[in-house]
Protein backbone atom coordinates (compact mmCIF):
# COMPACT_ATOMS: atom_id res chain seq x y z
CA MET A 1 0.00 0.00 0.00
CA VAL A 2 1.19 3.52 -0.76
CA GLN A 3 -0.26 6.90 0.19
CA GLU A 4 0.83 10.54 0.05
CA LEU A 5 0.41 12.28 3.42
CA PRO A 6 -0.73 15.90 3.83
CA ASP A 7 2.82 16.98 4.62
CA GLY A 8 4.10 15.47 1.35
CA ASN A 9 5.76 12.45 2.98
CA ILE A 10 4.92 8.93 1.77
CA PHE A 11 3.29 6.17 3.84
CA ILE A 12 4.23 2.71 2.60
CA VAL A 13 3.08 -0.74 3.67
CA ASP A 14 5.70 -3.28 2.57
CA GLU A 15 3.38 -6.30 2.63
CA LYS A 16 5.81 -8.60 0.82
CA ASN A 17 8.56 -7.99 3.32
CA ALA A 18 9.27 -11.02 5.53
CA ILE A 19 8.13 -9.05 8.57
CA SER A 20 5.48 -6.97 6.75
CA GLN A 21 6.38 -3.49 7.91
CA SER A 22 4.95 -0.01 7.53
CA LEU A 23 7.09 3.06 6.88
CA ILE A 24 6.83 6.82 6.58
CA VAL A 25 9.56 8.16 4.30
CA SER A 26 10.48 11.65 3.10
CA ARG A 27 10.85 12.53 -0.55
CA ASP A 28 14.61 12.22 -0.22
CA GLY A 29 14.22 8.62 0.95
CA LYS A 30 14.83 9.19 4.66
CA ILE A 31 12.86 6.86 6.96
CA LEU A 32 10.92 9.07 9.38
CA TRP A 33 9.03 6.26 11.12
CA LYS A 34 9.07 2.47 11.04
CA GLN A 35 6.34 0.22 12.43
CA PRO A 36 7.32 -1.56 15.68
CA LEU A 37 7.95 -5.27 15.20
CA HIS A 38 6.09 -6.00 18.42
CA LEU A 39 2.85 -4.60 19.80
CA GLU A 40 2.82 -4.77 23.58
CA GLY A 41 5.23 -7.71 23.55
CA CYS A 42 3.46 -9.71 20.84
CA ASP A 43 4.94 -10.50 17.43
CA VAL A 44 2.81 -9.09 14.62
CA ARG A 45 2.68 -9.33 10.84
CA LEU A 46 0.60 -6.39 9.74
CA ASN A 47 -1.15 -6.15 6.41
CA SER A 48 -3.53 -3.55 4.94
CA VAL A 49 -2.39 -0.86 7.39
CA ARG A 50 -4.21 2.50 7.21
CA LEU A 51 -3.01 5.75 8.73
CA LEU A 52 -6.00 7.33 10.49
CA ASP A 53 -6.74 11.05 10.83
CA SER A 54 -5.96 10.72 14.54
CA GLY A 55 -2.39 9.77 13.71
CA HIS A 56 -2.94 6.21 14.86
CA PHE A 57 -2.77 3.15 12.63
CA ILE A 58 -5.20 0.28 11.98
CA GLY A 59 -4.34 -2.91 10.21
CA VAL A 60 -4.73 -6.65 9.92
CA ASP A 61 -2.51 -8.76 12.19
CA GLN A 62 -2.05 -11.94 10.15
CA ILE A 63 -0.40 -13.87 12.99
CA GLN A 64 -3.35 -13.59 15.38
CA ASN A 65 -6.10 -13.09 12.79
CA ARG A 66 -7.30 -9.83 14.26
CA ILE A 67 -7.82 -6.18 13.51
CA VAL A 68 -5.63 -3.93 15.64
CA GLU A 69 -5.47 -0.16 16.12
CA PHE A 70 -2.12 1.04 17.52
CA THR A 71 -0.04 4.11 18.15
CA LYS A 72 3.32 5.02 16.60
CA ASP A 73 5.15 3.62 19.61
CA GLY A 74 3.30 0.28 19.48
CA LYS A 75 0.56 0.70 22.08
CA ILE A 76 -2.64 -1.19 21.23
CA LEU A 77 -5.75 0.98 21.44
CA TRP A 78 -8.41 -1.36 20.07
CA GLU A 79 -8.67 -4.82 18.56
CA TYR A 80 -11.30 -7.02 16.97
CA PHE A 81 -11.25 -10.75 16.35
CA ASP A 82 -13.69 -13.57 15.72
CA LYS A 83 -13.43 -16.88 17.56
CA ASP A 84 -14.59 -18.69 14.43
CA ALA A 85 -11.48 -20.31 12.88
CA SER A 86 -12.70 -19.41 9.36
CA PHE A 87 -12.43 -15.68 10.14
CA ARG A 88 -9.61 -14.31 7.98
CA PRO A 89 -9.48 -10.55 7.77
CA GLU A 90 -7.74 -9.27 4.62
CA SER A 91 -8.40 -5.52 4.63
CA VAL A 92 -9.73 -2.84 6.97
CA ASP A 93 -10.77 0.80 6.92
CA ARG A 94 -12.35 3.27 9.34
CA PHE A 95 -15.49 5.42 8.89
CA PRO A 96 -15.42 9.04 10.06
CA ASN A 97 -17.80 8.12 12.93
CA GLY A 98 -15.33 5.53 14.28
CA ASP A 99 -17.00 2.40 12.92
CA THR A 100 -14.65 -0.14 11.29
CA VAL A 101 -15.24 -2.00 8.04
CA ILE A 102 -13.51 -5.36 7.50
CA ALA A 103 -13.07 -7.52 4.41
CA ASP A 104 -13.29 -11.07 5.73
CA PHE A 105 -11.58 -13.21 3.09
CA GLY A 106 -12.30 -16.47 4.96
CA LYS A 107 -16.06 -16.02 5.30
CA ARG A 108 -16.46 -14.14 2.01
CA ARG A 109 -18.16 -11.17 3.60
CA ILE A 110 -17.82 -7.47 4.41
CA LEU A 111 -18.78 -6.41 7.91
CA ILE A 112 -18.98 -3.18 9.88
CA VAL A 113 -18.36 -3.19 13.64
CA ASN A 114 -18.50 -0.36 16.19
CA ASN A 115 -16.03 0.45 18.95
CA ASN A 116 -17.88 -1.97 21.25
CA LYS A 117 -17.13 -4.73 18.69
CA GLU A 118 -20.79 -5.18 17.83
CA VAL A 119 -21.54 -6.15 14.23
CA LEU A 120 -23.72 -3.38 12.78
CA TRP A 121 -23.89 -4.47 9.15
CA MET A 122 -22.85 -7.40 7.01
CA TRP A 123 -22.69 -8.00 3.27
CA ASN A 124 -22.52 -11.67 2.34
CA PRO A 125 -24.13 -11.89 -1.11
CA GLY A 126 -22.82 -15.26 -2.27
CA ARG A 127 -19.88 -16.50 -4.30
CA ASP A 128 -21.10 -15.01 -7.57
CA GLN A 129 -20.92 -11.51 -6.02
CA LEU A 130 -18.12 -11.79 -3.45
CA LEU A 131 -15.46 -14.49 -3.59
CA GLU A 132 -12.06 -13.28 -2.41
CA PRO A 133 -12.16 -9.65 -1.26
CA SER A 134 -8.64 -8.22 -1.14
CA SER A 135 -9.43 -4.58 -0.29
CA VAL A 136 -12.23 -2.48 1.17
CA ARG A 137 -12.20 1.29 1.34
CA VAL A 138 -14.65 3.86 2.72
CA ILE A 139 -15.41 6.65 0.22
CA SER A 140 -16.74 10.17 0.80
CA ASN A 141 -20.44 9.34 0.21
CA GLY A 142 -20.34 6.63 2.86
CA ASN A 143 -20.33 3.76 0.40
CA LEU A 144 -17.61 1.13 0.04
CA ILE A 145 -15.22 0.29 -2.73
CA VAL A 146 -14.61 -3.46 -2.63
CA THR A 147 -11.92 -5.15 -4.72
CA ASP A 148 -12.40 -8.87 -5.39
CA GLU A 149 -9.25 -10.57 -6.71
CA GLU A 150 -10.78 -13.89 -7.67
CA LEU A 151 -13.90 -12.48 -9.35
CA HIS A 152 -11.72 -9.84 -11.13
CA ILE A 153 -14.01 -6.96 -10.24
CA VAL A 154 -14.13 -3.65 -8.36
CA SER A 155 -17.53 -2.70 -6.96
CA GLU A 156 -19.13 0.22 -5.15
CA ILE A 157 -21.56 -1.02 -2.48
CA ASP A 158 -24.12 1.19 -0.72
CA GLY A 159 -25.51 0.80 2.82
CA GLU A 160 -28.31 -1.44 1.56
CA GLY A 161 -25.82 -3.88 0.05
CA ARG A 162 -26.64 -2.85 -3.49
CA VAL A 163 -24.00 -2.81 -6.21
CA ILE A 164 -24.33 0.66 -7.66
CA TRP A 165 -21.17 0.61 -9.77
CA ARG A 166 -18.87 -2.12 -10.99
CA TYR A 167 -15.83 -2.47 -13.26
CA GLY A 168 -14.74 -5.84 -14.59
CA LYS A 169 -16.70 -8.92 -15.57
CA PRO A 170 -17.36 -11.36 -12.68
CA GLY A 171 -15.31 -14.51 -13.11
CA ASP A 172 -14.13 -13.44 -16.57
CA PRO A 173 -10.60 -11.95 -16.38
CA GLY A 174 -8.83 -10.22 -19.22
CA ALA A 175 -6.99 -7.12 -20.41
CA SER A 176 -9.43 -5.98 -23.05
CA ASN A 177 -11.85 -3.09 -22.58
CA GLY A 178 -13.96 -3.56 -19.44
CA LYS A 179 -11.88 -6.42 -18.02
CA ILE A 180 -9.26 -6.66 -15.29
CA THR A 181 -7.29 -9.58 -13.84
CA TYR A 182 -6.66 -10.21 -10.12
CA PRO A 183 -6.99 -6.56 -9.09
CA HIS A 184 -5.56 -5.99 -5.64
CA ASP A 185 -6.80 -2.53 -4.68
CA ALA A 186 -8.84 0.47 -5.83
CA ILE A 187 -9.56 3.94 -4.58
CA ARG A 188 -12.21 6.53 -5.45
CA LEU A 189 -10.60 9.81 -6.55
CA LYS A 190 -11.89 13.31 -5.71
CA ASN A 191 -12.98 13.75 -9.33
CA GLY A 192 -15.31 10.77 -9.01
CA ASN A 193 -13.19 8.40 -11.06
CA THR A 194 -11.78 5.15 -9.69
CA LEU A 195 -8.08 4.31 -9.66
CA ILE A 196 -7.77 0.53 -10.10
CA VAL A 197 -4.62 -1.55 -9.56
CA ASP A 198 -4.97 -4.25 -12.20
CA THR A 199 -2.27 -6.42 -10.64
CA ALA A 200 -1.98 -9.44 -12.96
CA ASN A 201 -2.11 -7.22 -16.02
CA HIS A 202 0.72 -5.10 -14.55
CA ARG A 203 -1.08 -1.81 -14.95
CA VAL A 204 -2.99 0.98 -13.17
CA LEU A 205 -6.23 2.33 -14.66
CA GLU A 206 -8.27 5.46 -14.01
CA VAL A 207 -11.88 4.60 -14.84
CA SER A 208 -14.83 6.99 -15.01
CA LEU A 209 -18.32 6.30 -13.66
CA ASN A 210 -19.41 5.43 -17.20
CA LYS A 211 -16.54 2.88 -17.25
CA SER A 212 -14.33 4.64 -19.74
CA VAL A 213 -10.57 4.28 -19.18
CA LEU A 214 -9.38 7.89 -18.97
CA TRP A 215 -5.75 7.23 -18.03
CA LYS A 216 -3.52 4.20 -17.61
CA TYR A 217 0.03 3.31 -16.82
CA GLU A 218 1.09 -0.04 -18.22
CA ASN A 219 3.94 -1.98 -19.74
CA GLU A 220 5.31 -1.44 -23.18
CA SER A 221 6.15 -4.30 -25.51
CA ASP A 222 9.26 -4.72 -27.60
CA GLY A 223 9.14 -7.92 -29.58
CA TYR A 224 9.54 -11.10 -27.54
CA GLU A 225 10.29 -9.35 -24.29
CA LYS A 226 8.36 -6.86 -22.22
CA VAL A 227 9.88 -3.83 -20.59
CA ASN A 228 8.46 -4.35 -17.13
CA ASN A 229 7.76 -0.80 -16.07
CA LEU A 230 5.39 -2.45 -13.62
CA PHE A 231 5.42 -5.97 -12.21
CA SER A 232 2.53 -7.05 -10.00
CA PRO A 233 1.60 -3.57 -8.62
CA ARG A 234 -0.52 -3.75 -5.46
CA SER A 235 -1.50 -0.18 -4.60
CA ALA A 236 -1.80 3.29 -6.13
CA TRP A 237 -2.52 6.82 -4.92
CA ARG A 238 -3.22 10.11 -6.68
CA THR A 239 -1.08 12.97 -5.26
CA LYS A 240 -2.10 16.59 -4.72
CA LYS A 241 -0.16 17.53 -7.85
CA GLY A 242 -2.07 15.03 -9.96
CA ASN A 243 0.71 12.49 -10.21
CA THR A 244 0.22 8.81 -9.34
CA LEU A 245 2.16 6.89 -6.72
CA ILE A 246 2.38 3.16 -7.42
CA ALA A 247 3.55 0.36 -5.12
CA ASP A 248 5.37 -1.66 -7.80
CA SER A 249 5.60 -4.74 -5.66
CA GLY A 250 7.25 -7.21 -8.04
CA ASN A 251 10.02 -4.68 -8.78
CA HIS A 252 10.53 -3.86 -5.08
CA ARG A 253 10.01 -0.18 -5.44
CA VAL A 254 7.57 2.76 -5.20
CA ILE A 255 7.37 5.05 -8.19
CA GLU A 256 5.63 8.36 -8.90
CA VAL A 257 4.55 8.95 -12.48
CA ASN A 258 3.05 12.06 -14.04
CA LYS A 259 0.05 12.15 -16.37
CA TYR A 260 2.33 11.46 -19.33
CA GLY A 261 3.62 8.22 -17.79
CA GLU A 262 7.07 9.60 -16.95
CA ILE A 263 8.68 8.37 -13.75
CA ILE A 264 9.57 11.47 -11.72
CA TRP A 265 10.40 9.88 -8.37
CA MET A 266 11.44 6.45 -7.20
CA LEU A 267 12.17 4.70 -3.92
CA GLY A 268 13.74 1.26 -4.14
CA SER A 269 15.37 -0.43 -7.12
CA THR A 270 16.88 2.08 -9.57
CA SER A 271 16.66 -0.11 -12.64
CA VAL A 272 14.31 -2.78 -13.91
CA LYS A 273 15.72 -5.38 -16.27
CA LYS A 274 13.80 -6.87 -19.14
CA ARG A 275 12.35 -10.23 -18.21
CA LEU A 276 12.14 -12.94 -20.79
CA LEU A 277 9.60 -14.90 -18.72
CA SER A 278 6.72 -14.02 -16.42
CA SER A 279 5.29 -16.77 -14.22
CA PRO A 280 6.15 -19.74 -16.45
CA ARG A 281 3.91 -22.68 -15.56
CA TYR A 282 5.25 -25.62 -17.56
CA ILE A 283 8.42 -26.67 -19.35
CA GLN A 284 9.37 -29.49 -21.74
CA LEU A 285 12.93 -30.51 -22.72
CA LEU A 286 12.89 -31.20 -26.45
CA GLU A 287 15.02 -33.75 -28.29
CA ASN A 288 17.22 -30.95 -29.68
CA GLU A 289 17.91 -29.81 -26.07
CA ASN A 290 15.77 -26.70 -26.50
CA LEU A 291 13.07 -25.83 -23.97
CA LEU A 292 9.39 -25.44 -24.69
CA ILE A 293 7.97 -23.06 -22.09
CA ALA A 294 4.42 -22.03 -21.21
CA ASP A 295 5.18 -18.38 -20.38
CA SER A 296 1.84 -17.89 -18.70
CA MET A 297 1.64 -14.24 -17.69
CA ASN A 298 3.18 -13.13 -20.96
CA ASN A 299 0.39 -15.10 -22.70
CA ARG A 300 2.63 -17.09 -25.03
CA ILE A 301 4.48 -20.35 -25.72
CA LEU A 302 8.23 -20.13 -26.37
CA GLU A 303 10.92 -22.42 -27.67
CA VAL A 304 14.27 -21.28 -26.23
CA ASP A 305 17.71 -22.63 -27.10
CA GLN A 306 20.62 -23.22 -24.70
CA ASN A 307 21.86 -19.67 -25.25
CA GLN A 308 18.45 -18.29 -24.16
CA ASN A 309 17.54 -17.24 -27.69
CA VAL A 310 13.85 -17.40 -28.58
CA ILE A 311 13.67 -19.43 -31.77
CA TRP A 312 9.87 -19.94 -31.88
CA SER A 313 6.98 -18.16 -30.26
CA PHE A 314 3.24 -18.57 -30.37
CA GLU A 315 0.96 -15.85 -29.02
CA LYS A 316 -1.84 -15.44 -31.52
CA CYS A 317 -3.17 -16.67 -34.84
CA TYR A 318 -5.83 -15.89 -37.42
CA HIS A 319 -8.64 -18.22 -38.25
CA SER A 320 -11.97 -17.41 -39.86
CA SER A 321 -10.72 -13.80 -40.16
CA VAL A 322 -10.59 -13.52 -36.36
CA LEU A 323 -7.45 -12.69 -34.38
CA ASP A 324 -7.11 -15.34 -31.64
CA THR A 325 -4.75 -14.79 -28.72
CA LEU A 326 -3.64 -16.93 -25.81
CA TYR A 327 -4.61 -15.99 -22.29
CA TRP A 328 -2.64 -17.48 -19.40
CA PRO A 329 -1.56 -20.71 -21.12
CA ARG A 330 -0.71 -23.26 -18.41
CA TRP A 331 0.78 -26.18 -20.35
CA ALA A 332 2.26 -27.02 -23.74
CA GLN A 333 3.56 -30.19 -25.39
CA CYS A 334 5.56 -30.51 -28.60
CA LEU A 335 4.24 -33.31 -30.82
CA LYS A 336 5.45 -34.82 -34.07
CA ALA A 337 5.54 -32.92 -37.35
CA GLY A 338 6.09 -29.56 -35.64
CA ARG A 339 2.72 -29.48 -33.96
CA THR A 340 2.21 -28.07 -30.45
CA LEU A 341 -0.61 -28.88 -28.05
CA ILE A 342 -1.52 -25.98 -25.71
CA ALA A 343 -3.76 -25.69 -22.65
CA ASP A 344 -4.99 -22.12 -23.07
CA GLY A 345 -6.03 -21.69 -19.43
CA ARG A 346 -8.11 -18.53 -19.12
CA ASN A 347 -9.68 -19.03 -22.53
CA GLY A 348 -10.92 -22.42 -21.31
CA ARG A 349 -9.72 -24.47 -24.25
CA ILE A 350 -7.19 -26.92 -25.68
CA ILE A 351 -5.69 -26.02 -29.05
CA LEU A 352 -3.39 -27.67 -31.53
CA VAL A 353 -1.20 -25.44 -33.72
CA ASP A 354 1.41 -26.09 -36.39
CA GLU A 355 4.91 -24.64 -36.60
CA TYR A 356 3.58 -21.64 -38.48
CA GLY A 357 1.08 -20.82 -35.73
CA ARG A 358 -1.96 -21.99 -37.67
CA LEU A 359 -4.83 -23.37 -35.61
CA LEU A 360 -5.44 -27.02 -36.48
CA ARG A 361 -7.87 -28.12 -33.77
CA GLU A 362 -9.67 -26.59 -30.83
CA LEU A 363 -11.63 -28.02 -27.89
CA ARG A 364 -13.50 -25.50 -25.78
CA GLN A 365 -15.02 -26.02 -22.37
CA TYR A 366 -18.74 -26.54 -22.10
CA ARG A 367 -20.82 -24.04 -20.13
CA TYR A 368 -23.96 -25.16 -18.35
């Protein structure tokens, strides 16, 4: 998580760190505050930490499966937990009146509790509406922005539990217009648009209420490799100057980009190398000692020689005048006569292509 503070300093939650720590840093990279490793003598691993207007912090303690509010020096002010073993808080935020909203990943629900730990409201609409909530945020009109990683959607929920706005297609991930893939977080901007961290597509989108993409920061492509400007981003924030802070988790850095997509500030790694592969899922050693690789998150199948040269690649083909592309291929097998069998995961199909990338056969999943 990343957030610009009123004084211009940056609040960062380093969730992927082995000890999961929160930091406040200045623009020149100086650490002004670091989260205590212990709260009143107890080890903690804090996730989804929010800095409250009071100057206190609230977050999810993953070790003890609880919500905890604490001071800068580690004093616990308030906590909430559920004795049910399936309770697994994933995200938390605080209403202006002091009530606390929790995204319960384990029970697939959103709940609001007061300072007396009484449950005031619960949204548990079923798996087709809420499957794996990764983030919940209170917005200025009192509604909630809920990000669901597994359903690949961002929704605005009102106090009656009604979905009054949504971006993404439930259960149907993608990178085309109107689709996102494993989003981790989203915030509502002051202009009414929504800033969405489209994590698995390695991009950040600004989406209007009519669902138009007004701005985006994403990776560029140069042939067989991608210049990973972003790699699994997990949080974004719009600054007072109109720039965008991005927690570029996979590249171990925080960057600030302007509206033109230029990086104007960085904390962390100073350079990002080109990556040939992104989350490869399957590999086959061929008779010629080359490797056939299902390069899943780059949406392609590669044959790579011993010098790491790409000598064959399959990403898309034309058939019946339609451009057909892979989406998260999970498996590939080289057959005789230059044919390749591919499990095209997110497209829900098995395809057979020849050495020229022509589609020979296709088996699609059945929908009931």
